[in-house]
Amino acid sequence: MKTETKEFLKSLVLIAKPKSILEIGTAIGYSSLVFNKYTNAQITSIELSEDMAKIARGNFKKYQANINLINDDAEKALTKINQGFDFVFIDANKANYKFYFDYVDKHLLNKGGIIVADNILFRGEVCKDDLIEKRKITIVKRLRNFLAYITKREDYNTSIVPIGDGLSISYKEN
């Protein structure tokens, strides 16, 4: 994660003061550790890769962070969670962003909650056709569709922030 993205997320959680955070896509646990450092929130993070989950657990232990890590496919794991969240950070399989957003919206997001999706500009490929690698055409199309979908939703106020690899911030008032 780039420094400017970390600083932006830090500011966002300091302002929002979430009591509960869900991260979809843990990787090595960096984002969860940022959230842990700057909030008193209960944090749950989902990671598919066993290798990444092992590294993340080691990092959580190293920094004495009490983070609930679920090592499973995000789509399956989400259906097993039975609590609400004030802040959701999506940073997993880009092709599934719309599913994650919709599932969280319908089942897991608390009133006044925020959903942040990372890497939504996908190295600039989402913005400019001439940057798209042929093998990435499908993912770019899905991210473009996702961005169109979340920015047109009238029940959310969504902003696109072009820092790092791009973030979307979607706030649901009611």
N, C-alpha and C. Protein backbone atom coordinates (compact mmCIF):
# COMPACT_ATOMS: atom_id res chain seq x y z
N MET A 1 0.85 -1.18 0.00
CA MET A 1 0.00 0.00 0.00
C MET A 1 0.89 1.24 0.00
N LYS A 2 0.55 2.17 -0.86
CA LYS A 2 1.33 3.39 -0.96
C LYS A 2 1.07 4.29 0.26
N THR A 3 2.05 5.09 0.59
CA THR A 3 1.97 5.96 1.77
C THR A 3 0.74 6.87 1.72
N GLU A 4 0.45 7.46 0.55
CA GLU A 4 -0.70 8.37 0.48
C GLU A 4 -2.02 7.64 0.70
N THR A 5 -2.10 6.39 0.28
CA THR A 5 -3.30 5.59 0.53
C THR A 5 -3.44 5.31 2.01
N LYS A 6 -2.35 4.90 2.64
CA LYS A 6 -2.35 4.64 4.09
C LYS A 6 -2.79 5.89 4.85
N GLU A 7 -2.21 7.02 4.52
CA GLU A 7 -2.54 8.27 5.23
C GLU A 7 -4.00 8.66 5.01
N PHE A 8 -4.51 8.44 3.81
CA PHE A 8 -5.92 8.74 3.54
C PHE A 8 -6.83 7.83 4.36
N LEU A 9 -6.54 6.53 4.37
CA LEU A 9 -7.35 5.59 5.16
C LEU A 9 -7.27 5.91 6.64
N LYS A 10 -6.08 6.26 7.10
CA LYS A 10 -5.90 6.67 8.50
C LYS A 10 -6.83 7.85 8.82
N SER A 11 -6.80 8.88 7.97
CA SER A 11 -7.66 10.05 8.19
C SER A 11 -9.13 9.65 8.17
N LEU A 12 -9.50 8.81 7.23
CA LEU A 12 -10.89 8.39 7.10
C LEU A 12 -11.40 7.68 8.36
N VAL A 13 -10.61 6.75 8.88
CA VAL A 13 -11.08 6.04 10.09
C VAL A 13 -11.01 6.92 11.33
N LEU A 14 -10.07 7.87 11.36
CA LEU A 14 -10.04 8.82 12.49
C LEU A 14 -11.28 9.70 12.50
N ILE A 15 -11.75 10.08 11.31
CA ILE A 15 -12.97 10.89 11.20
C ILE A 15 -14.21 10.05 11.48
N ALA A 16 -14.29 8.88 10.87
CA ALA A 16 -15.49 8.03 10.96
C ALA A 16 -15.65 7.36 12.33
N LYS A 17 -14.53 7.09 13.01
CA LYS A 17 -14.54 6.41 14.31
C LYS A 17 -15.39 5.13 14.32
N PRO A 18 -15.12 4.21 13.38
CA PRO A 18 -15.92 2.98 13.35
C PRO A 18 -15.67 2.12 14.58
N LYS A 19 -16.73 1.46 15.03
CA LYS A 19 -16.61 0.53 16.15
C LYS A 19 -16.33 -0.88 15.65
N SER A 20 -16.65 -1.12 14.37
CA SER A 20 -16.44 -2.44 13.77
C SER A 20 -15.99 -2.26 12.32
N ILE A 21 -14.96 -3.03 11.95
CA ILE A 21 -14.39 -2.95 10.61
C ILE A 21 -14.31 -4.34 10.01
N LEU A 22 -14.70 -4.45 8.75
CA LEU A 22 -14.54 -5.68 7.98
C LEU A 22 -13.61 -5.39 6.82
N GLU A 23 -12.57 -6.22 6.69
CA GLU A 23 -11.68 -6.13 5.55
C GLU A 23 -11.85 -7.39 4.72
N ILE A 24 -12.10 -7.22 3.43
CA ILE A 24 -12.23 -8.34 2.52
C ILE A 24 -10.96 -8.35 1.67
N GLY A 25 -10.05 -9.26 1.99
CA GLY A 25 -8.75 -9.33 1.34
C GLY A 25 -7.65 -8.84 2.26
N THR A 26 -7.13 -9.72 3.07
CA THR A 26 -6.15 -9.37 4.10
C THR A 26 -4.75 -9.20 3.54
N ALA A 27 -4.34 -10.08 2.64
CA ALA A 27 -2.95 -10.19 2.17
C ALA A 27 -2.06 -10.37 3.40
N ILE A 28 -1.07 -9.51 3.60
CA ILE A 28 -0.16 -9.68 4.74
C ILE A 28 -0.66 -8.99 6.01
N GLY A 29 -1.83 -8.33 5.91
CA GLY A 29 -2.43 -7.71 7.09
C GLY A 29 -2.13 -6.24 7.29
N TYR A 30 -1.50 -5.60 6.32
CA TYR A 30 -1.08 -4.21 6.48
C TYR A 30 -2.26 -3.27 6.77
N SER A 31 -3.32 -3.35 5.97
CA SER A 31 -4.47 -2.46 6.17
C SER A 31 -5.12 -2.69 7.52
N SER A 32 -5.28 -3.95 7.88
CA SER A 32 -5.87 -4.26 9.19
C SER A 32 -5.04 -3.67 10.32
N LEU A 33 -3.73 -3.72 10.17
CA LEU A 33 -2.85 -3.15 11.20
C LEU A 33 -2.98 -1.62 11.26
N VAL A 34 -3.16 -1.00 10.11
CA VAL A 34 -3.41 0.46 10.10
C VAL A 34 -4.70 0.75 10.85
N PHE A 35 -5.77 0.01 10.52
CA PHE A 35 -7.05 0.22 11.19
C PHE A 35 -6.93 -0.04 12.69
N ASN A 36 -6.20 -1.06 13.05
CA ASN A 36 -6.00 -1.41 14.45
C ASN A 36 -5.27 -0.30 15.21
N LYS A 37 -4.28 0.28 14.56
CA LYS A 37 -3.47 1.32 15.20
C LYS A 37 -4.26 2.60 15.45
N TYR A 38 -5.17 2.95 14.54
CA TYR A 38 -5.84 4.24 14.62
C TYR A 38 -7.31 4.19 15.05
N THR A 39 -7.79 3.01 15.43
CA THR A 39 -9.15 2.90 15.95
C THR A 39 -9.15 1.94 17.14
N ASN A 40 -10.26 1.93 17.82
CA ASN A 40 -10.49 0.91 18.85
C ASN A 40 -11.51 -0.10 18.35
N ALA A 41 -11.63 -0.19 17.04
CA ALA A 41 -12.66 -1.02 16.42
C ALA A 41 -12.36 -2.50 16.56
N GLN A 42 -13.43 -3.27 16.56
CA GLN A 42 -13.32 -4.72 16.44
C GLN A 42 -13.11 -4.98 14.94
N ILE A 43 -12.03 -5.70 14.59
CA ILE A 43 -11.67 -5.89 13.19
C ILE A 43 -11.76 -7.36 12.80
N THR A 44 -12.45 -7.60 11.70
CA THR A 44 -12.52 -8.93 11.10
C THR A 44 -11.96 -8.81 9.69
N SER A 45 -11.09 -9.74 9.32
CA SER A 45 -10.48 -9.70 7.99
C SER A 45 -10.56 -11.08 7.36
N ILE A 46 -10.81 -11.10 6.06
CA ILE A 46 -10.98 -12.35 5.32
C ILE A 46 -9.87 -12.48 4.29
N GLU A 47 -9.21 -13.65 4.28
CA GLU A 47 -8.15 -13.92 3.31
C GLU A 47 -8.27 -15.34 2.80
N LEU A 48 -8.27 -15.49 1.48
CA LEU A 48 -8.36 -16.81 0.85
C LEU A 48 -7.06 -17.60 0.96
N SER A 49 -5.95 -16.99 0.66
CA SER A 49 -4.66 -17.68 0.60
C SER A 49 -4.17 -18.11 1.99
N GLU A 50 -3.89 -19.39 2.13
CA GLU A 50 -3.35 -19.90 3.39
C GLU A 50 -1.99 -19.29 3.68
N ASP A 51 -1.16 -19.14 2.64
CA ASP A 51 0.17 -18.56 2.83
C ASP A 51 0.08 -17.12 3.31
N MET A 52 -0.77 -16.32 2.68
CA MET A 52 -0.94 -14.93 3.10
C MET A 52 -1.53 -14.85 4.50
N ALA A 53 -2.50 -15.70 4.80
CA ALA A 53 -3.12 -15.70 6.13
C ALA A 53 -2.08 -16.02 7.20
N LYS A 54 -1.17 -16.91 6.91
CA LYS A 54 -0.11 -17.26 7.86
C LYS A 54 0.79 -16.05 8.12
N ILE A 55 1.15 -15.36 7.05
CA ILE A 55 1.98 -14.16 7.20
C ILE A 55 1.23 -13.09 7.99
N ALA A 56 -0.04 -12.90 7.66
CA ALA A 56 -0.86 -11.90 8.36
C ALA A 56 -0.96 -12.22 9.85
N ARG A 57 -1.22 -13.48 10.17
CA ARG A 57 -1.29 -13.87 11.59
C ARG A 57 0.02 -13.55 12.32
N GLY A 58 1.14 -13.82 11.64
CA GLY A 58 2.44 -13.49 12.22
C GLY A 58 2.59 -12.00 12.45
N ASN A 59 2.13 -11.21 11.49
CA ASN A 59 2.19 -9.75 11.65
C ASN A 59 1.27 -9.26 12.76
N PHE A 60 0.09 -9.85 12.86
CA PHE A 60 -0.84 -9.46 13.93
C PHE A 60 -0.23 -9.78 15.29
N LYS A 61 0.40 -10.95 15.39
CA LYS A 61 1.04 -11.34 16.65
C LYS A 61 2.20 -10.40 16.97
N LYS A 62 3.02 -10.11 15.97
CA LYS A 62 4.18 -9.22 16.14
C LYS A 62 3.76 -7.85 16.70
N TYR A 63 2.65 -7.33 16.21
CA TYR A 63 2.19 -6.01 16.64
C TYR A 63 1.09 -6.09 17.71
N GLN A 64 0.91 -7.25 18.27
CA GLN A 64 -0.07 -7.49 19.34
C GLN A 64 -1.45 -6.93 18.97
N ALA A 65 -1.87 -7.22 17.75
CA ALA A 65 -3.16 -6.75 17.26
C ALA A 65 -4.20 -7.85 17.39
N ASN A 66 -5.30 -7.52 18.02
CA ASN A 66 -6.39 -8.47 18.19
C ASN A 66 -7.33 -8.35 16.99
N ILE A 67 -6.99 -9.07 15.92
CA ILE A 67 -7.75 -9.03 14.67
C ILE A 67 -8.24 -10.44 14.37
N ASN A 68 -9.54 -10.56 14.11
CA ASN A 68 -10.14 -11.84 13.76
C ASN A 68 -9.89 -12.11 12.28
N LEU A 69 -9.06 -13.09 11.99
CA LEU A 69 -8.74 -13.44 10.61
C LEU A 69 -9.47 -14.71 10.21
N ILE A 70 -10.24 -14.61 9.14
CA ILE A 70 -10.96 -15.76 8.59
C ILE A 70 -10.23 -16.19 7.33
N ASN A 71 -9.71 -17.41 7.33
CA ASN A 71 -8.99 -17.95 6.16
C ASN A 71 -9.97 -18.78 5.35
N ASP A 72 -10.63 -18.11 4.37
CA ASP A 72 -11.65 -18.78 3.57
C ASP A 72 -11.93 -17.92 2.34
N ASP A 73 -12.67 -18.47 1.40
CA ASP A 73 -13.15 -17.72 0.26
C ASP A 73 -14.09 -16.63 0.77
N ALA A 74 -13.92 -15.41 0.29
CA ALA A 74 -14.70 -14.28 0.80
C ALA A 74 -16.20 -14.48 0.61
N GLU A 75 -16.61 -14.99 -0.54
CA GLU A 75 -18.05 -15.19 -0.76
C GLU A 75 -18.65 -16.13 0.27
N LYS A 76 -17.94 -17.21 0.59
CA LYS A 76 -18.42 -18.16 1.60
C LYS A 76 -18.36 -17.53 2.99
N ALA A 77 -17.24 -16.89 3.29
CA ALA A 77 -17.04 -16.33 4.62
C ALA A 77 -18.08 -15.27 4.95
N LEU A 78 -18.42 -14.43 3.98
CA LEU A 78 -19.39 -13.36 4.23
C LEU A 78 -20.73 -13.92 4.69
N THR A 79 -21.13 -15.05 4.11
CA THR A 79 -22.43 -15.63 4.47
C THR A 79 -22.44 -16.20 5.89
N LYS A 80 -21.27 -16.40 6.47
CA LYS A 80 -21.17 -16.97 7.83
C LYS A 80 -21.04 -15.90 8.90
N ILE A 81 -20.89 -14.65 8.49
CA ILE A 81 -20.73 -13.55 9.46
C ILE A 81 -22.11 -13.06 9.86
N ASN A 82 -22.31 -12.94 11.18
CA ASN A 82 -23.62 -12.51 11.66
C ASN A 82 -23.53 -11.28 12.56
N GLN A 83 -22.77 -10.29 12.12
CA GLN A 83 -22.70 -9.02 12.82
C GLN A 83 -22.67 -7.91 11.80
N GLY A 84 -22.92 -6.70 12.24
CA GLY A 84 -22.86 -5.55 11.34
C GLY A 84 -21.53 -4.83 11.45
N PHE A 85 -21.21 -4.04 10.44
CA PHE A 85 -19.95 -3.30 10.42
C PHE A 85 -20.20 -1.84 10.06
N ASP A 86 -19.41 -0.97 10.66
CA ASP A 86 -19.50 0.47 10.39
C ASP A 86 -18.63 0.87 9.20
N PHE A 87 -17.59 0.07 8.95
CA PHE A 87 -16.61 0.40 7.92
C PHE A 87 -16.18 -0.89 7.25
N VAL A 88 -16.25 -0.93 5.92
CA VAL A 88 -15.87 -2.13 5.18
C VAL A 88 -14.83 -1.73 4.14
N PHE A 89 -13.72 -2.47 4.12
CA PHE A 89 -12.64 -2.21 3.18
C PHE A 89 -12.53 -3.40 2.24
N ILE A 90 -12.79 -3.17 0.96
CA ILE A 90 -12.76 -4.23 -0.05
C ILE A 90 -11.44 -4.15 -0.80
N ASP A 91 -10.66 -5.23 -0.72
CA ASP A 91 -9.36 -5.28 -1.38
C ASP A 91 -9.03 -6.73 -1.75
N ALA A 92 -9.99 -7.40 -2.35
CA ALA A 92 -9.82 -8.81 -2.71
C ALA A 92 -9.95 -8.96 -4.22
N ASN A 93 -10.49 -10.07 -4.66
CA ASN A 93 -10.66 -10.37 -6.09
C ASN A 93 -11.47 -9.25 -6.76
N LYS A 94 -10.81 -8.50 -7.62
CA LYS A 94 -11.43 -7.33 -8.26
C LYS A 94 -12.68 -7.69 -9.07
N ALA A 95 -12.71 -8.88 -9.64
CA ALA A 95 -13.86 -9.30 -10.43
C ALA A 95 -15.11 -9.46 -9.57
N ASN A 96 -14.95 -9.61 -8.26
CA ASN A 96 -16.08 -9.82 -7.36
C ASN A 96 -16.48 -8.59 -6.56
N TYR A 97 -15.92 -7.43 -6.88
CA TYR A 97 -16.22 -6.23 -6.10
C TYR A 97 -17.72 -5.95 -6.00
N LYS A 98 -18.45 -6.10 -7.10
CA LYS A 98 -19.89 -5.83 -7.06
C LYS A 98 -20.60 -6.80 -6.12
N PHE A 99 -20.23 -8.08 -6.17
CA PHE A 99 -20.84 -9.04 -5.24
C PHE A 99 -20.56 -8.64 -3.80
N TYR A 100 -19.29 -8.34 -3.50
CA TYR A 100 -18.94 -7.96 -2.12
C TYR A 100 -19.74 -6.74 -1.68
N PHE A 101 -19.80 -5.73 -2.55
CA PHE A 101 -20.51 -4.50 -2.23
C PHE A 101 -21.98 -4.79 -1.94
N ASP A 102 -22.63 -5.52 -2.84
CA ASP A 102 -24.05 -5.82 -2.68
C ASP A 102 -24.32 -6.66 -1.44
N TYR A 103 -23.48 -7.66 -1.19
CA TYR A 103 -23.70 -8.51 -0.03
C TYR A 103 -23.55 -7.71 1.26
N VAL A 104 -22.50 -6.93 1.32
CA VAL A 104 -22.27 -6.09 2.50
C VAL A 104 -23.43 -5.12 2.68
N ASP A 105 -23.87 -4.48 1.60
CA ASP A 105 -24.97 -3.53 1.65
C ASP A 105 -26.24 -4.18 2.22
N LYS A 106 -26.57 -5.35 1.74
CA LYS A 106 -27.82 -6.00 2.14
C LYS A 106 -27.76 -6.66 3.51
N HIS A 107 -26.58 -7.15 3.91
CA HIS A 107 -26.53 -8.00 5.10
C HIS A 107 -25.61 -7.53 6.23
N LEU A 108 -24.61 -6.73 5.94
CA LEU A 108 -23.58 -6.50 6.96
C LEU A 108 -23.28 -5.05 7.31
N LEU A 109 -23.74 -4.10 6.50
CA LEU A 109 -23.39 -2.70 6.74
C LEU A 109 -24.36 -2.05 7.72
N ASN A 110 -23.81 -1.47 8.78
CA ASN A 110 -24.63 -0.74 9.75
C ASN A 110 -25.11 0.58 9.15
N LYS A 111 -26.18 1.12 9.71
CA LYS A 111 -26.70 2.42 9.29
C LYS A 111 -25.59 3.46 9.41
N GLY A 112 -25.44 4.27 8.37
CA GLY A 112 -24.38 5.27 8.36
C GLY A 112 -23.01 4.70 8.04
N GLY A 113 -22.97 3.47 7.54
CA GLY A 113 -21.71 2.80 7.27
C GLY A 113 -21.02 3.28 6.00
N ILE A 114 -19.75 2.93 5.92
CA ILE A 114 -18.90 3.33 4.80
C ILE A 114 -18.31 2.08 4.15
N ILE A 115 -18.33 2.04 2.83
CA ILE A 115 -17.66 0.96 2.08
C ILE A 115 -16.57 1.60 1.24
N VAL A 116 -15.34 1.14 1.43
CA VAL A 116 -14.21 1.62 0.65
C VAL A 116 -13.70 0.46 -0.19
N ALA A 117 -13.50 0.71 -1.48
CA ALA A 117 -12.92 -0.30 -2.37
C ALA A 117 -11.57 0.21 -2.87
N ASP A 118 -10.55 -0.64 -2.76
CA ASP A 118 -9.19 -0.26 -3.15
C ASP A 118 -8.88 -0.74 -4.57
N ASN A 119 -7.89 -0.13 -5.17
CA ASN A 119 -7.38 -0.50 -6.50
C ASN A 119 -8.41 -0.37 -7.61
N ILE A 120 -9.34 0.55 -7.47
CA ILE A 120 -10.42 0.62 -8.44
C ILE A 120 -10.02 1.28 -9.76
N LEU A 121 -8.85 1.92 -9.80
CA LEU A 121 -8.39 2.48 -11.07
C LEU A 121 -7.41 1.54 -11.77
N PHE A 122 -7.02 0.49 -11.09
CA PHE A 122 -6.24 -0.62 -11.65
C PHE A 122 -5.10 -0.14 -12.55
N ARG A 123 -4.13 0.50 -11.92
CA ARG A 123 -2.92 1.00 -12.61
C ARG A 123 -3.24 1.94 -13.77
N GLY A 124 -4.36 2.64 -13.67
CA GLY A 124 -4.77 3.58 -14.71
C GLY A 124 -5.51 2.93 -15.86
N GLU A 125 -5.55 1.60 -15.89
CA GLU A 125 -6.17 0.89 -17.01
C GLU A 125 -7.68 1.14 -17.08
N VAL A 126 -8.30 1.43 -15.94
CA VAL A 126 -9.73 1.69 -15.92
C VAL A 126 -10.04 3.03 -16.60
N CYS A 127 -9.08 3.94 -16.59
CA CYS A 127 -9.29 5.29 -17.12
C CYS A 127 -8.95 5.44 -18.60
N LYS A 128 -7.99 4.68 -19.07
CA LYS A 128 -7.51 4.87 -20.44
C LYS A 128 -7.41 3.54 -21.18
N ASP A 129 -8.12 3.44 -22.28
CA ASP A 129 -8.11 2.21 -23.07
C ASP A 129 -6.72 1.82 -23.57
N ASP A 130 -5.90 2.80 -23.89
CA ASP A 130 -4.58 2.47 -24.44
C ASP A 130 -3.61 1.90 -23.40
N LEU A 131 -3.99 1.91 -22.12
CA LEU A 131 -3.14 1.34 -21.08
C LEU A 131 -3.48 -0.13 -20.78
N ILE A 132 -4.62 -0.60 -21.26
CA ILE A 132 -5.10 -1.93 -20.91
C ILE A 132 -4.24 -3.03 -21.52
N GLU A 133 -3.77 -3.92 -20.65
CA GLU A 133 -3.08 -5.13 -21.12
C GLU A 133 -4.17 -6.08 -21.61
N LYS A 134 -3.94 -6.77 -22.71
CA LYS A 134 -4.95 -7.65 -23.29
C LYS A 134 -5.47 -8.68 -22.28
N ARG A 135 -4.58 -9.24 -21.48
CA ARG A 135 -5.01 -10.26 -20.53
C ARG A 135 -5.80 -9.69 -19.35
N LYS A 136 -5.90 -8.37 -19.27
CA LYS A 136 -6.61 -7.70 -18.17
C LYS A 136 -7.92 -7.06 -18.61
N ILE A 137 -8.32 -7.28 -19.86
CA ILE A 137 -9.52 -6.63 -20.39
C ILE A 137 -10.76 -6.95 -19.56
N THR A 138 -10.97 -8.20 -19.18
CA THR A 138 -12.16 -8.58 -18.42
C THR A 138 -12.20 -7.90 -17.07
N ILE A 139 -11.09 -7.89 -16.35
CA ILE A 139 -11.06 -7.26 -15.02
C ILE A 139 -11.31 -5.77 -15.13
N VAL A 140 -10.75 -5.13 -16.16
CA VAL A 140 -10.95 -3.69 -16.35
C VAL A 140 -12.42 -3.41 -16.64
N LYS A 141 -13.04 -4.22 -17.49
CA LYS A 141 -14.47 -4.04 -17.79
C LYS A 141 -15.31 -4.19 -16.53
N ARG A 142 -14.99 -5.19 -15.72
CA ARG A 142 -15.76 -5.40 -14.48
C ARG A 142 -15.57 -4.25 -13.51
N LEU A 143 -14.35 -3.73 -13.41
CA LEU A 143 -14.12 -2.58 -12.53
C LEU A 143 -14.85 -1.33 -13.05
N ARG A 144 -14.85 -1.13 -14.36
CA ARG A 144 -15.60 0.00 -14.93
C ARG A 144 -17.09 -0.14 -14.64
N ASN A 145 -17.61 -1.35 -14.81
CA ASN A 145 -19.02 -1.59 -14.50
C ASN A 145 -19.31 -1.37 -13.03
N PHE A 146 -18.40 -1.81 -12.17
CA PHE A 146 -18.55 -1.61 -10.73
C PHE A 146 -18.60 -0.13 -10.40
N LEU A 147 -17.68 0.64 -10.96
CA LEU A 147 -17.64 2.08 -10.69
C LEU A 147 -18.91 2.77 -11.18
N ALA A 148 -19.38 2.40 -12.36
CA ALA A 148 -20.63 2.97 -12.88
C ALA A 148 -21.78 2.61 -11.95
N TYR A 149 -21.81 1.39 -11.49
CA TYR A 149 -22.87 0.91 -10.60
C TYR A 149 -22.90 1.68 -9.29
N ILE A 150 -21.76 1.79 -8.62
CA ILE A 150 -21.78 2.42 -7.29
C ILE A 150 -21.97 3.94 -7.37
N THR A 151 -21.52 4.56 -8.46
CA THR A 151 -21.69 6.01 -8.56
C THR A 151 -23.10 6.40 -8.97
N LYS A 152 -23.86 5.48 -9.55
CA LYS A 152 -25.24 5.78 -9.95
C LYS A 152 -26.26 5.44 -8.86
N ARG A 153 -25.82 4.74 -7.83
CA ARG A 153 -26.76 4.36 -6.76
C ARG A 153 -27.18 5.59 -5.98
N GLU A 154 -28.48 5.80 -5.88
CA GLU A 154 -28.99 6.98 -5.18
C GLU A 154 -28.99 6.81 -3.66
N ASP A 155 -28.87 5.57 -3.19
CA ASP A 155 -28.85 5.34 -1.75
C ASP A 155 -27.45 5.51 -1.15
N TYR A 156 -26.46 5.76 -1.99
CA TYR A 156 -25.08 5.98 -1.55
C TYR A 156 -24.55 7.29 -2.10
N ASN A 157 -23.70 7.91 -1.32
CA ASN A 157 -22.91 9.05 -1.79
C ASN A 157 -21.51 8.49 -2.03
N THR A 158 -21.09 8.41 -3.28
CA THR A 158 -19.82 7.78 -3.62
C THR A 158 -18.86 8.79 -4.24
N SER A 159 -17.62 8.72 -3.80
CA SER A 159 -16.54 9.52 -4.37
C SER A 159 -15.42 8.61 -4.81
N ILE A 160 -14.75 9.00 -5.89
CA ILE A 160 -13.58 8.28 -6.38
C ILE A 160 -12.37 9.16 -6.05
N VAL A 161 -11.42 8.58 -5.35
CA VAL A 161 -10.23 9.32 -4.95
C VAL A 161 -9.03 8.74 -5.71
N PRO A 162 -8.41 9.55 -6.59
CA PRO A 162 -7.33 9.03 -7.43
C PRO A 162 -5.95 9.08 -6.76
N ILE A 163 -5.85 8.46 -5.59
CA ILE A 163 -4.55 8.32 -4.94
C ILE A 163 -4.19 6.83 -4.91
N GLY A 164 -2.90 6.54 -4.81
CA GLY A 164 -2.48 5.15 -4.86
C GLY A 164 -2.96 4.54 -6.17
N ASP A 165 -3.69 3.44 -6.05
CA ASP A 165 -4.26 2.79 -7.22
C ASP A 165 -5.76 3.07 -7.34
N GLY A 166 -6.20 4.10 -6.62
CA GLY A 166 -7.60 4.52 -6.67
C GLY A 166 -8.44 3.90 -5.58
N LEU A 167 -9.25 4.72 -4.94
CA LEU A 167 -10.18 4.27 -3.91
C LEU A 167 -11.57 4.79 -4.24
N SER A 168 -12.58 3.99 -3.95
CA SER A 168 -13.94 4.50 -3.96
C SER A 168 -14.41 4.53 -2.52
N ILE A 169 -15.11 5.59 -2.17
CA ILE A 169 -15.67 5.71 -0.82
C ILE A 169 -17.16 5.89 -0.98
N SER A 170 -17.92 4.95 -0.44
CA SER A 170 -19.37 4.98 -0.56
C SER A 170 -20.00 5.06 0.83
N TYR A 171 -20.76 6.12 1.05
CA TYR A 171 -21.38 6.36 2.34
C TYR A 171 -22.89 6.21 2.20
N LYS A 172 -23.45 5.39 3.08
CA LYS A 172 -24.90 5.17 3.04
C LYS A 172 -25.52 5.88 4.23
N GLU A 173 -26.29 6.93 3.95
CA GLU A 173 -26.87 7.71 5.03
C GLU A 173 -27.95 6.95 5.78
N ASN A 174 -28.87 6.31 5.05
CA ASN A 174 -29.98 5.64 5.72
C ASN A 174 -29.90 4.14 5.51
